[in-house]
Amino acid sequence: MLTITQIENSLQSPYAIKDPVIKLGSPIKKGIRSKLVKYTGGFAVVFPFRVNGEQWSFRCWTADLGNVERRLTTLSQGLNKLQIPYFTPFSYESEGIEVDGRLYPTTRMKWIEGTPINEYLCENKNNPELLYKLADDFMQMCKILHKNKIAHGDLQHGNILINPLGEIRLIDYDSVYIPDLKDSNDVVKGLPDYQHPARKENRYANEKLDYFSELVIYITIMAIAENASLVRKYQLKDSEKMLFSADDYKDFENSKIYLDLQQLSKKIKYLLSILKDYLSKTSILDLEAFDVLYARMLATLTLSKTKIRKEKECAQLKWEVISADRIVLFANGKELQECDKQGFLDVNPGSDTEYCLKIYDGNLDKPEERKATLLVRPEAIVEFFADKDYTLPGVPLKLSWNVKYASSIVFDGKEKKPNDSVKIIEGIEQETEFTISVTDEFETKEHHVKVRMLPIPFVQTLLVPTPEIEDSVNVIAQMPIQFKDTQLISLETPTINHVDIVKVAQQLPQITTIPIMETPQIEISKSIIEKIEDKLNGYLSQVQNVLSDTLQKFKILINSQNK
């Protein structure tokens, strides 16, 4: 193991530098004593060099990381081939520097100008728009790394720089994993404040090394964008961590940072729920990329109703997607339309339909899907009727019904069949409303039928004036009811309804007695008496005919109404 002092002493002599590019330049110094500028971290130290007007970084190791030559050669070739913008191409030299008579490996790459991400957050804490853009850029970087199955392995504030253009750049590649390094040992475990507690037990490097630290960093960016006071409260400036510490992970839900962030937006709460789920895992191999989980939470497809009445109702389909290259809506596997990230559609299919929103993202191997099923059911059709609308006391009734698409039919507290009837032999004594209760896919609804009573006419006194008696023995009577050619002309012909029948009954002649005024006692011949009797008999016969005709017409009215 080398010390930083040993390496610094070697750099004082140009002959100790064996890297073919770096030896053409000179290390950058500062201060009165011209001390070498250096950046330490992990298992290496980086010295900036100026070569032909360009600045380079010269990296030397202070510890043996195993098969460094194979690893760094493979990594250099792999990253140069992939050309991922977040990494800077570098060259590995197996004999880059001589220290105390021995040759040691080094790497060189173009110097990256930039501000460590924690400092960048502090400087721009009051510019939420800029921080939200940084959060989007950071998530995009994570997606690209995941798509290529790459992990940095030591993702933390010191290894993430923001260049003058606001672009993210990664440095320190000692722990970077690419698929060509499968089965290599996981040597560099990263800073504990950024790592899952199970990381220290992880044996082999893999594409999931960054999942936990990515989420910790992303939450920090989003939280500060929402609440700048967190920078001061958690002393982010000059700190070797962000908002979270390794101690927080021991009892996360009771930690101070968890309770503070729970007061922020729903998005932050979603992210905290993912972090809480991460901490419940006993191996980092059980983790799923946070961007996938987050997109799953923030991509929604909902229906205003899960069940509608066939041909009578519609439902509203709504969707919202945070990030996607293309969004397509399907119905029962058939494409309906391409969609914007947010929208709605009124739907009224004729049968059960499964709607599927497919979210295409170039960083995902297959589209994300959101599904919602709409059930379409017919509403109950009910016919409920009586065999007569009007009746008389004691007259039998028959109630019938014909019901379709019902799950339950109840009459008088008893379950009934869809097509059935009930006979009421004893009839009813007054106007009555009958009820049938029908349950379908949507609700229980009552249906009613009303049977009314016919009015019974009350026949009152028929007043007949005293006949005038003259020598001619003519009897004159003023008839309250008159017929002409068998037609009733003293009353209007009633319409067939309950109110008119009552009116007709009230207009009937009053019949009980025929009071005759007392007449003077005179002596008349027998022939005159006989003539009077004949006249009275004729008059009575005429009254009987009137009453008979009136009753007959009532029977016709009643029969017509029942029909």
Protein backbone atom coordinates (compact mmCIF):
# COMPACT_ATOMS: atom_id res chain seq x y z
CA MET A 1 0.00 0.00 0.00
CA LEU A 2 1.31 3.40 -0.99
CA THR A 3 0.91 6.60 0.94
CA ILE A 4 -0.05 9.93 -0.60
CA THR A 5 3.25 11.39 0.57
CA GLN A 6 5.23 8.70 -1.31
CA ILE A 7 3.32 9.47 -4.50
CA GLU A 8 3.81 13.22 -4.04
CA ASN A 9 7.55 12.74 -3.61
CA SER A 10 7.73 10.77 -6.85
CA LEU A 11 5.87 13.47 -8.75
CA GLN A 12 8.64 15.94 -7.85
CA SER A 13 10.85 14.07 -10.33
CA PRO A 14 9.74 14.10 -13.99
CA TYR A 15 11.52 10.80 -14.52
CA ALA A 16 9.17 9.01 -12.10
CA ILE A 17 6.14 9.67 -14.34
CA LYS A 18 5.89 6.95 -16.97
CA ASP A 19 2.49 7.78 -18.49
CA PRO A 20 3.31 8.93 -22.08
CA VAL A 21 0.90 11.89 -21.99
CA ILE A 22 1.19 13.04 -18.39
CA LYS A 23 4.99 13.11 -18.49
CA LEU A 24 4.78 15.82 -21.16
CA GLY A 25 3.10 18.15 -18.72
CA SER A 26 3.52 19.39 -15.18
CA PRO A 27 1.42 19.09 -12.02
CA ILE A 28 -0.61 22.09 -10.94
CA LYS A 29 0.56 23.75 -7.76
CA LYS A 30 -0.82 26.45 -5.53
CA GLY A 31 0.21 28.58 -2.56
CA ILE A 32 3.43 30.20 -1.51
CA ARG A 33 5.06 26.86 -0.98
CA SER A 34 3.83 25.57 -4.35
CA LYS A 35 2.06 22.57 -2.93
CA LEU A 36 0.69 20.03 -5.36
CA VAL A 37 -3.05 20.28 -5.91
CA LYS A 38 -4.63 16.93 -5.14
CA TYR A 39 -8.03 15.34 -4.57
CA THR A 40 -8.29 12.31 -2.37
CA GLY A 41 -11.06 9.82 -1.93
CA GLY A 42 -11.55 6.12 -1.54
CA PHE A 43 -8.49 4.19 -2.55
CA ALA A 44 -6.89 6.75 -4.87
CA VAL A 45 -5.56 10.27 -5.19
CA VAL A 46 -5.96 12.50 -8.26
CA PHE A 47 -3.46 15.14 -9.33
CA PRO A 48 -4.40 17.74 -11.97
CA PHE A 49 -1.76 18.19 -14.71
CA ARG A 50 -1.48 20.74 -17.45
CA VAL A 51 -0.37 19.25 -20.76
CA ASN A 52 -0.02 21.41 -23.89
CA GLY A 53 -2.60 23.88 -22.61
CA GLU A 54 -5.09 21.18 -21.60
CA GLN A 55 -5.86 20.03 -18.10
CA TRP A 56 -5.72 16.32 -17.31
CA SER A 57 -6.28 14.25 -14.21
CA PHE A 58 -3.61 11.77 -13.19
CA ARG A 59 -4.91 9.07 -10.88
CA CYS A 60 -2.78 6.93 -8.60
CA TRP A 61 -3.91 4.17 -6.20
CA THR A 62 -3.06 4.01 -2.55
CA ALA A 63 -4.32 0.43 -2.18
CA ASP A 64 -4.27 -2.79 -4.15
CA LEU A 65 -7.73 -3.40 -5.60
CA GLY A 66 -6.98 -6.88 -6.85
CA ASN A 67 -6.70 -7.52 -10.55
CA VAL A 68 -6.57 -3.83 -11.41
CA GLU A 69 -5.08 -4.25 -14.85
CA ARG A 70 -7.76 -6.61 -16.14
CA ARG A 71 -10.53 -4.62 -14.56
CA LEU A 72 -9.50 -1.17 -15.75
CA THR A 73 -8.56 -2.35 -19.23
CA THR A 74 -11.96 -4.00 -19.62
CA LEU A 75 -13.73 -0.98 -18.19
CA SER A 76 -11.86 1.50 -20.39
CA GLN A 77 -12.67 -0.48 -23.53
CA GLY A 78 -16.30 -0.96 -22.49
CA LEU A 79 -17.02 2.68 -21.65
CA ASN A 80 -15.25 3.95 -24.74
CA LYS A 81 -17.39 1.60 -26.83
CA LEU A 82 -20.68 2.64 -25.17
CA GLN A 83 -19.89 6.36 -25.31
CA ILE A 84 -22.20 7.23 -22.45
CA PRO A 85 -21.99 11.02 -21.96
CA TYR A 86 -21.78 10.88 -18.16
CA PHE A 87 -18.40 9.13 -18.26
CA THR A 88 -15.22 10.63 -19.60
CA PRO A 89 -12.96 8.32 -21.66
CA PHE A 90 -9.85 7.31 -19.77
CA SER A 91 -6.67 5.37 -20.43
CA TYR A 92 -5.11 2.78 -18.18
CA GLU A 93 -1.34 2.51 -17.85
CA SER A 94 -0.09 -0.59 -16.06
CA GLU A 95 3.23 1.17 -15.36
CA GLY A 96 2.22 4.80 -15.04
CA ILE A 97 4.42 5.89 -12.12
CA GLU A 98 7.51 4.78 -10.31
CA VAL A 99 7.48 4.95 -6.52
CA ASP A 100 10.49 3.90 -4.47
CA GLY A 101 11.89 1.91 -7.36
CA ARG A 102 8.63 0.06 -8.18
CA LEU A 103 6.19 0.66 -11.01
CA TYR A 104 2.47 1.12 -10.25
CA PRO A 105 -0.61 1.43 -12.45
CA THR A 106 -2.28 4.78 -13.15
CA THR A 107 -5.06 6.22 -15.28
CA ARG A 108 -5.45 9.53 -17.07
CA MET A 109 -8.46 11.40 -18.44
CA LYS A 110 -9.32 14.89 -19.55
CA TRP A 111 -9.97 17.12 -16.58
CA ILE A 112 -13.67 17.66 -15.82
CA GLU A 113 -14.60 21.17 -14.73
CA GLY A 114 -17.55 21.12 -12.41
CA THR A 115 -19.10 21.67 -9.02
CA PRO A 116 -19.81 18.73 -6.69
CA ILE A 117 -23.55 18.16 -6.58
CA ASN A 118 -23.92 18.99 -2.88
CA GLU A 119 -22.29 22.40 -3.40
CA TYR A 120 -24.46 22.96 -6.47
CA LEU A 121 -27.58 22.33 -4.38
CA CYS A 122 -26.45 24.81 -1.76
CA GLU A 123 -25.65 27.48 -4.35
CA ASN A 124 -29.01 27.09 -6.11
CA LYS A 125 -31.30 26.26 -3.20
CA ASN A 126 -33.51 29.26 -3.99
CA ASN A 127 -33.86 28.36 -7.65
CA PRO A 128 -36.39 25.48 -7.65
CA GLU A 129 -36.79 25.53 -11.43
CA LEU A 130 -33.09 24.81 -11.86
CA LEU A 131 -33.17 22.06 -9.24
CA TYR A 132 -36.20 20.38 -10.80
CA LYS A 133 -34.29 20.32 -14.08
CA LEU A 134 -31.34 18.77 -12.26
CA ALA A 135 -33.67 16.14 -10.81
CA ASP A 136 -35.02 15.32 -14.29
CA ASP A 137 -31.49 15.11 -15.68
CA PHE A 138 -30.40 12.89 -12.81
CA MET A 139 -33.32 10.50 -13.36
CA GLN A 140 -32.56 10.41 -17.09
CA MET A 141 -28.97 9.48 -16.27
CA CYS A 142 -30.20 6.68 -14.01
CA LYS A 143 -32.44 5.35 -16.78
CA ILE A 144 -29.57 5.27 -19.26
CA LEU A 145 -27.29 3.50 -16.79
CA HIS A 146 -30.01 0.95 -16.04
CA LYS A 147 -30.70 0.35 -19.71
CA ASN A 148 -27.03 -0.42 -20.29
CA LYS A 149 -26.82 -2.42 -17.01
CA ILE A 150 -24.11 -0.10 -15.66
CA ALA A 151 -23.50 0.94 -12.07
CA HIS A 152 -21.03 3.49 -10.78
CA GLY A 153 -20.67 1.62 -7.50
CA ASP A 154 -19.73 4.64 -5.38
CA LEU A 155 -22.38 7.20 -6.23
CA GLN A 156 -22.05 10.13 -3.82
CA HIS A 157 -21.69 13.91 -3.83
CA GLY A 158 -17.93 13.89 -4.44
CA ASN A 159 -18.22 11.73 -7.56
CA ILE A 160 -21.03 13.70 -9.22
CA LEU A 161 -20.03 16.99 -10.82
CA ILE A 162 -22.21 19.60 -12.50
CA ASN A 163 -20.26 21.30 -15.28
CA PRO A 164 -20.69 25.00 -16.28
CA LEU A 165 -23.40 23.98 -18.77
CA GLY A 166 -25.41 22.31 -16.00
CA GLU A 167 -24.60 18.81 -17.27
CA ILE A 168 -23.94 15.85 -14.97
CA ARG A 169 -20.58 14.17 -15.12
CA LEU A 170 -19.36 11.17 -13.11
CA ILE A 171 -15.80 10.72 -11.89
CA ASP A 172 -13.84 8.05 -9.97
CA TYR A 173 -14.33 4.79 -11.85
CA ASP A 174 -12.68 2.38 -9.42
CA SER A 175 -15.99 0.74 -8.58
CA VAL A 176 -17.81 1.06 -11.91
CA TYR A 177 -19.58 -2.08 -13.09
CA ILE A 178 -20.36 -2.99 -16.70
CA PRO A 179 -21.67 -6.36 -17.94
CA ASP A 180 -18.17 -7.33 -19.13
CA LEU A 181 -17.10 -7.30 -15.45
CA LYS A 182 -19.71 -9.83 -14.35
CA ASP A 183 -18.62 -11.99 -11.39
CA SER A 184 -15.98 -9.47 -10.33
CA ASN A 185 -15.79 -8.82 -6.60
CA ASP A 186 -17.61 -5.87 -5.05
CA VAL A 187 -14.56 -4.28 -3.43
CA VAL A 188 -15.42 -0.58 -3.12
CA LYS A 189 -18.52 -0.43 -0.90
CA GLY A 190 -19.05 3.34 -1.07
CA LEU A 191 -19.83 5.84 1.68
CA PRO A 192 -22.24 4.38 4.30
CA ASP A 193 -24.52 7.45 4.21
CA TYR A 194 -25.33 6.64 0.58
CA GLN A 195 -25.47 2.85 0.80
CA HIS A 196 -28.06 0.25 1.68
CA PRO A 197 -27.17 -1.45 5.00
CA ALA A 198 -26.91 -4.76 3.12
CA ARG A 199 -24.28 -3.40 0.71
CA LYS A 200 -21.45 -4.39 3.04
CA GLU A 201 -22.59 -8.01 2.76
CA ASN A 202 -22.77 -7.94 -1.03
CA ARG A 203 -20.15 -10.15 -2.63
CA TYR A 204 -20.17 -9.55 -6.37
CA ALA A 205 -20.44 -6.35 -8.39
CA ASN A 206 -23.73 -6.02 -10.27
CA GLU A 207 -26.00 -3.53 -12.01
CA LYS A 208 -27.96 -2.85 -8.78
CA LEU A 209 -25.09 -1.32 -6.84
CA ASP A 210 -26.43 2.23 -7.33
CA TYR A 211 -30.17 1.66 -6.81
CA PHE A 212 -30.16 2.79 -3.18
CA SER A 213 -27.77 5.73 -3.54
CA GLU A 214 -29.61 6.95 -6.66
CA LEU A 215 -32.83 7.21 -4.68
CA VAL A 216 -31.17 8.96 -1.72
CA ILE A 217 -29.66 11.58 -4.05
CA TYR A 218 -32.85 12.06 -6.08
CA ILE A 219 -34.98 12.59 -2.96
CA THR A 220 -32.46 15.15 -1.71
CA ILE A 221 -32.64 17.15 -4.96
CA MET A 222 -36.46 17.09 -5.02
CA ALA A 223 -36.81 17.94 -1.33
CA ILE A 224 -34.51 20.97 -1.50
CA ALA A 225 -36.32 22.17 -4.62
CA GLU A 226 -39.52 22.17 -2.52
CA ASN A 227 -38.03 23.45 0.72
CA ALA A 228 -34.76 25.37 0.59
CA SER A 229 -34.56 25.60 4.39
CA LEU A 230 -33.51 21.94 4.50
CA VAL A 231 -30.01 22.99 3.35
CA ARG A 232 -29.41 24.95 6.52
CA LYS A 233 -31.34 22.63 8.84
CA TYR A 234 -29.25 19.61 7.82
CA GLN A 235 -26.03 21.61 7.32
CA LEU A 236 -25.54 20.42 3.77
CA LYS A 237 -22.75 22.89 3.06
CA ASP A 238 -19.31 21.36 3.59
CA SER A 239 -20.99 18.10 4.63
CA GLU A 240 -19.81 14.64 3.59
CA LYS A 241 -23.40 13.51 3.13
CA MET A 242 -26.68 14.83 1.82
CA LEU A 243 -29.93 14.83 3.80
CA PHE A 244 -29.73 11.19 4.88
CA SER A 245 -27.24 9.47 7.16
CA ALA A 246 -26.49 5.83 7.89
CA ASP A 247 -28.05 6.24 11.35
CA ASP A 248 -31.38 7.23 9.75
CA TYR A 249 -31.63 3.84 8.07
CA LYS A 250 -31.60 2.00 11.40
CA ASP A 251 -35.07 3.27 12.39
CA PHE A 252 -36.14 5.08 9.28
CA GLU A 253 -39.81 5.90 10.04
CA ASN A 254 -38.83 7.52 13.34
CA SER A 255 -35.88 9.42 11.94
CA LYS A 256 -35.94 13.21 11.89
CA ILE A 257 -35.43 13.45 8.14
CA TYR A 258 -38.31 11.05 7.44
CA LEU A 259 -40.70 13.05 9.61
CA ASP A 260 -39.62 16.33 7.99
CA LEU A 261 -39.96 15.06 4.44
CA GLN A 262 -43.37 13.58 5.19
CA GLN A 263 -44.60 17.18 5.38
CA LEU A 264 -43.75 17.78 1.72
CA SER A 265 -45.55 16.87 -1.51
CA LYS A 266 -47.19 13.62 -2.49
CA LYS A 267 -44.28 12.92 -4.85
CA ILE A 268 -41.83 13.06 -1.96
CA LYS A 269 -44.06 10.72 0.03
CA TYR A 270 -44.07 8.27 -2.89
CA LEU A 271 -40.28 8.37 -2.98
CA LEU A 272 -40.04 7.85 0.79
CA SER A 273 -42.29 4.81 0.51
CA ILE A 274 -39.87 3.34 -2.04
CA LEU A 275 -36.92 4.05 0.24
CA LYS A 276 -38.77 2.46 3.16
CA ASP A 277 -39.43 -0.61 1.02
CA TYR A 278 -35.75 -0.72 0.04
CA LEU A 279 -34.76 -0.79 3.69
CA SER A 280 -37.01 -3.78 4.30
CA LYS A 281 -34.91 -5.88 1.91
CA THR A 282 -32.05 -7.98 3.20
CA SER A 283 -30.10 -7.98 -0.08
CA ILE A 284 -29.49 -5.30 -2.68
CA LEU A 285 -30.24 -7.95 -5.30
CA ASP A 286 -33.90 -7.72 -4.22
CA LEU A 287 -34.12 -4.03 -5.14
CA GLU A 288 -35.94 -2.72 -8.19
CA ALA A 289 -34.83 0.46 -9.95
CA PHE A 290 -36.47 3.45 -8.27
CA ASP A 291 -37.28 5.19 -11.55
CA VAL A 292 -39.40 2.22 -12.60
CA LEU A 293 -41.20 2.10 -9.26
CA TYR A 294 -41.69 5.86 -9.27
CA ALA A 295 -43.05 5.87 -12.82
CA ARG A 296 -45.40 3.08 -11.84
CA MET A 297 -46.75 5.20 -9.00
CA LEU A 298 -47.07 8.33 -11.12
CA ALA A 299 -48.62 6.70 -14.19
CA THR A 300 -52.32 6.21 -13.53
CA LEU A 301 -55.36 4.99 -15.46
CA THR A 302 -58.69 5.32 -13.69
CA LEU A 303 -62.39 4.94 -14.46
CA SER A 304 -65.09 7.16 -12.96
CA LYS A 305 -67.25 4.03 -12.66
CA THR A 306 -66.38 0.35 -12.67
CA LYS A 307 -69.84 -0.69 -13.88
CA ILE A 308 -72.33 1.03 -16.18
CA ARG A 309 -75.91 0.42 -17.38
CA LYS A 310 -75.85 -0.95 -20.90
CA GLU A 311 -76.83 1.60 -23.55
CA LYS A 312 -77.83 4.07 -20.83
CA GLU A 313 -74.60 5.27 -19.21
CA CYS A 314 -71.02 6.11 -19.98
CA ALA A 315 -67.89 6.25 -17.83
CA GLN A 316 -64.94 8.60 -17.96
CA LEU A 317 -61.48 7.12 -18.47
CA LYS A 318 -58.67 9.34 -17.13
CA TRP A 319 -54.91 8.94 -17.31
CA GLU A 320 -51.81 10.80 -16.20
CA VAL A 321 -48.22 9.89 -17.03
CA ILE A 322 -45.16 11.74 -15.78
CA SER A 323 -42.63 10.65 -18.36
CA ALA A 324 -42.95 8.70 -21.61
CA ASP A 325 -41.84 8.70 -25.24
CA ARG A 326 -45.20 7.40 -26.48
CA ILE A 327 -48.54 6.52 -24.85
CA VAL A 328 -51.17 4.32 -26.50
CA LEU A 329 -54.64 3.36 -25.23
CA PHE A 330 -56.01 -0.12 -25.99
CA ALA A 331 -59.49 -1.62 -25.48
CA ASN A 332 -59.64 -5.42 -25.22
CA GLY A 333 -56.29 -5.61 -27.00
CA LYS A 334 -57.31 -3.32 -29.86
CA GLU A 335 -55.57 0.03 -30.24
CA LEU A 336 -57.92 2.96 -29.69
CA GLN A 337 -55.70 6.02 -29.89
CA GLU A 338 -52.39 7.62 -29.03
CA CYS A 339 -52.58 9.82 -25.96
CA ASP A 340 -50.98 12.87 -24.44
CA LYS A 341 -49.43 12.52 -20.99
CA GLN A 342 -52.67 13.69 -19.43
CA GLY A 343 -56.22 13.31 -20.70
CA PHE A 344 -59.64 11.71 -20.48
CA LEU A 345 -62.12 9.85 -22.68
CA ASP A 346 -65.84 9.17 -22.26
CA VAL A 347 -66.55 5.50 -23.02
CA ASN A 348 -69.76 3.46 -23.30
CA PRO A 349 -68.90 0.04 -24.70
CA GLY A 350 -71.54 -2.56 -25.39
CA SER A 351 -69.84 -5.25 -23.32
CA ASP A 352 -67.22 -5.75 -20.61
CA THR A 353 -64.02 -4.00 -21.67
CA GLU A 354 -60.45 -3.98 -20.36
CA TYR A 355 -58.66 -0.72 -21.10
CA CYS A 356 -54.87 -0.77 -21.16
CA LEU A 357 -52.58 2.25 -21.26
CA LYS A 358 -49.18 1.27 -22.66
CA ILE A 359 -46.35 3.63 -21.78
CA TYR A 360 -43.35 3.37 -24.08
CA ASP A 361 -39.99 4.62 -22.84
CA GLY A 362 -36.77 4.10 -24.75
CA ASN A 363 -34.98 3.34 -21.50
CA LEU A 364 -37.27 0.40 -20.68
CA ASP A 365 -37.06 -3.04 -22.24
CA LYS A 366 -40.85 -3.27 -22.49
CA PRO A 367 -43.68 -0.76 -22.07
CA GLU A 368 -45.22 -0.06 -18.70
CA GLU A 369 -48.91 -0.92 -18.57
CA ARG A 370 -51.86 0.42 -16.61
CA LYS A 371 -55.15 -1.43 -16.80
CA ALA A 372 -58.75 -0.70 -15.83
CA THR A 373 -61.80 -2.89 -16.46
CA LEU A 374 -65.30 -1.57 -17.13
CA LEU A 375 -68.24 -3.92 -16.58
CA VAL A 376 -71.34 -3.40 -18.72
CA ARG A 377 -74.61 -4.76 -17.37
CA PRO A 378 -78.29 -4.35 -18.39
CA GLU A 379 -80.55 -2.54 -15.97
CA ALA A 380 -83.59 -4.45 -14.70
CA ILE A 381 -86.67 -4.12 -16.92
CA VAL A 382 -89.85 -4.28 -14.84
CA GLU A 383 -93.52 -4.57 -15.85
CA PHE A 384 -95.82 -4.52 -12.81
CA PHE A 385 -99.59 -4.19 -13.21
CA ALA A 386 -103.02 -5.09 -11.81
CA ASP A 387 -105.89 -6.65 -13.78
CA LYS A 388 -108.03 -3.57 -13.03
CA ASP A 389 -107.37 0.07 -12.24
CA TYR A 390 -110.74 0.59 -10.45
CA THR A 391 -112.63 -1.88 -8.33
CA LEU A 392 -115.40 -2.26 -5.76
CA PRO A 393 -115.10 -3.60 -2.21
CA GLY A 394 -114.70 -7.36 -2.10
CA VAL A 395 -113.97 -7.76 -5.83
CA PRO A 396 -110.95 -10.12 -6.36
CA LEU A 397 -107.69 -8.62 -7.76
CA LYS A 398 -104.77 -10.11 -9.68
CA LEU A 399 -101.28 -8.54 -9.57
CA SER A 400 -98.74 -9.62 -12.21
CA TRP A 401 -95.15 -8.79 -13.12
CA ASN A 402 -92.63 -9.53 -15.81
CA VAL A 403 -89.02 -8.78 -14.81
CA LYS A 404 -85.77 -9.14 -16.79
CA TYR A 405 -82.10 -8.82 -15.73
CA ALA A 406 -82.83 -8.90 -12.00
CA SER A 407 -81.04 -10.87 -9.32
CA SER A 408 -83.86 -10.65 -6.76
CA ILE A 409 -87.63 -9.95 -6.76
CA VAL A 410 -89.53 -9.47 -3.50
CA PHE A 411 -93.28 -9.00 -2.96
CA ASP A 412 -94.85 -8.82 0.46
CA GLY A 413 -91.54 -9.91 2.05
CA LYS A 414 -91.21 -13.07 -0.07
CA GLU A 415 -88.85 -13.94 -2.93
CA LYS A 416 -90.67 -14.28 -6.24
CA LYS A 417 -89.92 -15.56 -9.73
CA PRO A 418 -89.25 -13.16 -12.63
CA ASN A 419 -92.59 -13.95 -14.25
CA ASP A 420 -95.30 -14.47 -11.65
CA SER A 421 -98.62 -13.20 -10.29
CA VAL A 422 -100.53 -12.94 -7.04
CA LYS A 423 -104.32 -13.22 -6.60
CA ILE A 424 -106.03 -11.23 -3.87
CA ILE A 425 -109.35 -13.08 -3.49
CA GLU A 426 -110.79 -10.91 -0.76
CA GLY A 427 -110.22 -7.73 -2.77
CA ILE A 428 -109.58 -4.34 -1.13
CA GLU A 429 -111.75 -1.97 0.89
CA GLN A 430 -110.03 1.29 -0.09
CA GLU A 431 -107.57 2.74 -2.59
CA THR A 432 -104.32 0.69 -2.23
CA GLU A 433 -100.77 0.96 -3.62
CA PHE A 434 -98.93 -2.34 -4.11
CA THR A 435 -95.09 -2.54 -4.21
CA ILE A 436 -92.60 -4.94 -5.72
CA SER A 437 -88.87 -4.69 -4.82
CA VAL A 438 -86.42 -5.51 -7.64
CA THR A 439 -82.63 -5.84 -7.26
CA ASP A 440 -80.31 -5.73 -10.27
CA GLU A 441 -76.55 -5.24 -10.77
CA PHE A 442 -76.77 -1.61 -9.67
CA GLU A 443 -79.38 -1.12 -6.97
CA THR A 444 -82.58 -2.24 -5.30
CA LYS A 445 -85.53 -0.28 -6.59
CA GLU A 446 -89.24 -0.29 -5.72
CA HIS A 447 -91.96 -0.36 -8.37
CA HIS A 448 -95.57 0.55 -7.58
CA VAL A 449 -99.08 0.01 -8.91
CA LYS A 450 -102.19 1.72 -7.51
CA VAL A 451 -105.75 0.36 -7.55
CA ARG A 452 -108.54 2.87 -6.88
CA MET A 453 -112.12 2.39 -5.63
CA LEU A 454 -115.15 3.23 -7.77
CA PRO A 455 -117.59 5.70 -6.16
CA ILE A 456 -121.02 4.29 -5.19
CA PRO A 457 -123.73 6.84 -6.09
CA PHE A 458 -125.93 7.97 -3.20
CA VAL A 459 -129.51 8.50 -4.45
CA GLN A 460 -131.26 11.30 -2.64
CA THR A 461 -134.89 12.63 -2.68
CA LEU A 462 -136.53 13.37 -6.04
CA LEU A 463 -138.75 16.36 -5.56
CA VAL A 464 -141.88 16.33 -7.72
CA PRO A 465 -144.13 19.38 -7.69
CA THR A 466 -147.86 19.00 -6.85
CA PRO A 467 -149.80 18.40 -10.00
CA GLU A 468 -152.15 21.16 -11.06
CA ILE A 469 -155.74 19.90 -11.23
CA GLU A 470 -158.11 21.56 -13.59
CA ASP A 471 -161.34 20.56 -15.14
CA SER A 472 -159.42 19.06 -17.98
CA VAL A 473 -157.59 16.95 -15.43
CA ASN A 474 -154.08 17.56 -16.87
CA VAL A 475 -151.14 16.61 -14.61
CA ILE A 476 -147.99 18.67 -15.29
CA ALA A 477 -144.66 17.66 -13.73
CA GLN A 478 -141.28 19.40 -14.10
CA MET A 479 -138.80 16.57 -14.77
CA PRO A 480 -135.27 17.13 -13.42
CA ILE A 481 -133.89 14.59 -15.90
CA GLN A 482 -134.93 14.59 -19.52
CA PHE A 483 -134.24 12.23 -22.39
CA LYS A 484 -134.80 12.81 -26.03
CA ASP A 485 -134.75 9.86 -28.37
CA THR A 486 -133.25 7.75 -25.62
CA GLN A 487 -130.36 10.28 -25.20
CA LEU A 488 -129.68 12.01 -21.87
CA ILE A 489 -129.85 15.74 -22.58
CA SER A 490 -129.98 17.27 -19.08
CA LEU A 491 -126.45 16.04 -18.19
CA GLU A 492 -123.15 16.27 -20.02
CA THR A 493 -121.75 12.93 -21.09
CA PRO A 494 -118.98 12.19 -18.55
CA THR A 495 -115.39 11.35 -19.51
CA ILE A 496 -114.06 8.06 -18.25
CA ASN A 497 -112.22 9.05 -15.09
CA HIS A 498 -112.73 8.99 -11.38
CA VAL A 499 -113.60 12.67 -10.95
CA ASP A 500 -116.26 12.67 -13.65
CA ILE A 501 -117.91 9.54 -12.26
CA VAL A 502 -118.26 11.31 -8.93
CA LYS A 503 -119.79 14.33 -10.66
CA VAL A 504 -122.30 12.13 -12.48
CA ALA A 505 -123.30 10.51 -9.19
CA GLN A 506 -123.88 13.90 -7.65
CA GLN A 507 -126.16 14.89 -10.51
CA LEU A 508 -128.47 11.83 -10.21
CA PRO A 509 -132.13 12.49 -9.46
CA GLN A 510 -133.17 12.41 -5.82
CA ILE A 511 -135.81 9.72 -5.24
CA THR A 512 -137.55 8.80 -2.00
CA THR A 513 -140.95 10.38 -1.70
CA ILE A 514 -143.29 12.46 -3.77
CA PRO A 515 -144.88 14.95 -1.41
CA ILE A 516 -148.28 16.16 -2.62
CA MET A 517 -149.63 19.43 -1.36
CA GLU A 518 -152.93 19.25 0.43
CA THR A 519 -155.79 20.01 -1.87
CA PRO A 520 -159.18 21.39 -1.03
CA GLN A 521 -161.86 18.85 -0.28
CA ILE A 522 -164.15 18.97 -3.22
CA GLU A 523 -166.53 16.58 -4.59
CA ILE A 524 -165.64 15.21 -7.95
CA SER A 525 -167.12 12.59 -10.02
CA LYS A 526 -165.71 9.12 -10.17
CA SER A 527 -164.63 9.60 -13.73
CA ILE A 528 -162.35 12.46 -12.77
CA ILE A 529 -160.67 10.33 -10.05
CA GLU A 530 -160.02 7.62 -12.56
CA LYS A 531 -158.47 10.10 -14.94
CA ILE A 532 -156.13 11.38 -12.20
CA GLU A 533 -155.05 7.87 -11.36
CA ASP A 534 -154.30 7.22 -15.00
CA LYS A 535 -152.17 10.33 -15.20
CA LEU A 536 -150.26 9.50 -12.00
CA ASN A 537 -149.66 5.95 -13.14
CA GLY A 538 -148.26 7.24 -16.40
CA TYR A 539 -146.05 9.66 -14.53
CA LEU A 540 -144.67 6.91 -12.26
CA SER A 541 -144.02 4.73 -15.27
CA GLN A 542 -142.04 7.53 -16.88
CA VAL A 543 -139.94 8.03 -13.71
CA GLN A 544 -139.19 4.29 -13.59
CA ASN A 545 -138.05 4.37 -17.20
CA VAL A 546 -135.75 7.32 -16.46
CA LEU A 547 -134.18 5.56 -13.50
CA SER A 548 -133.77 2.33 -15.44
CA ASP A 549 -132.08 4.11 -18.33
CA THR A 550 -129.77 5.96 -15.92
CA LEU A 551 -128.68 2.77 -14.16
CA GLN A 552 -128.06 1.09 -17.51
CA LYS A 553 -125.78 3.92 -18.62
CA PHE A 554 -123.80 3.64 -15.35
CA LYS A 555 -123.26 -0.04 -16.00
CA ILE A 556 -121.93 0.79 -19.45
CA LEU A 557 -119.57 3.41 -17.98
CA ILE A 558 -118.26 1.00 -15.31
CA ASN A 559 -117.67 -1.84 -17.77
CA SER A 560 -115.91 0.48 -20.20
CA GLN A 561 -113.63 1.83 -17.43
CA ASN A 562 -112.65 -1.68 -16.22
CA LYS A 563 -111.74 -2.67 -19.75
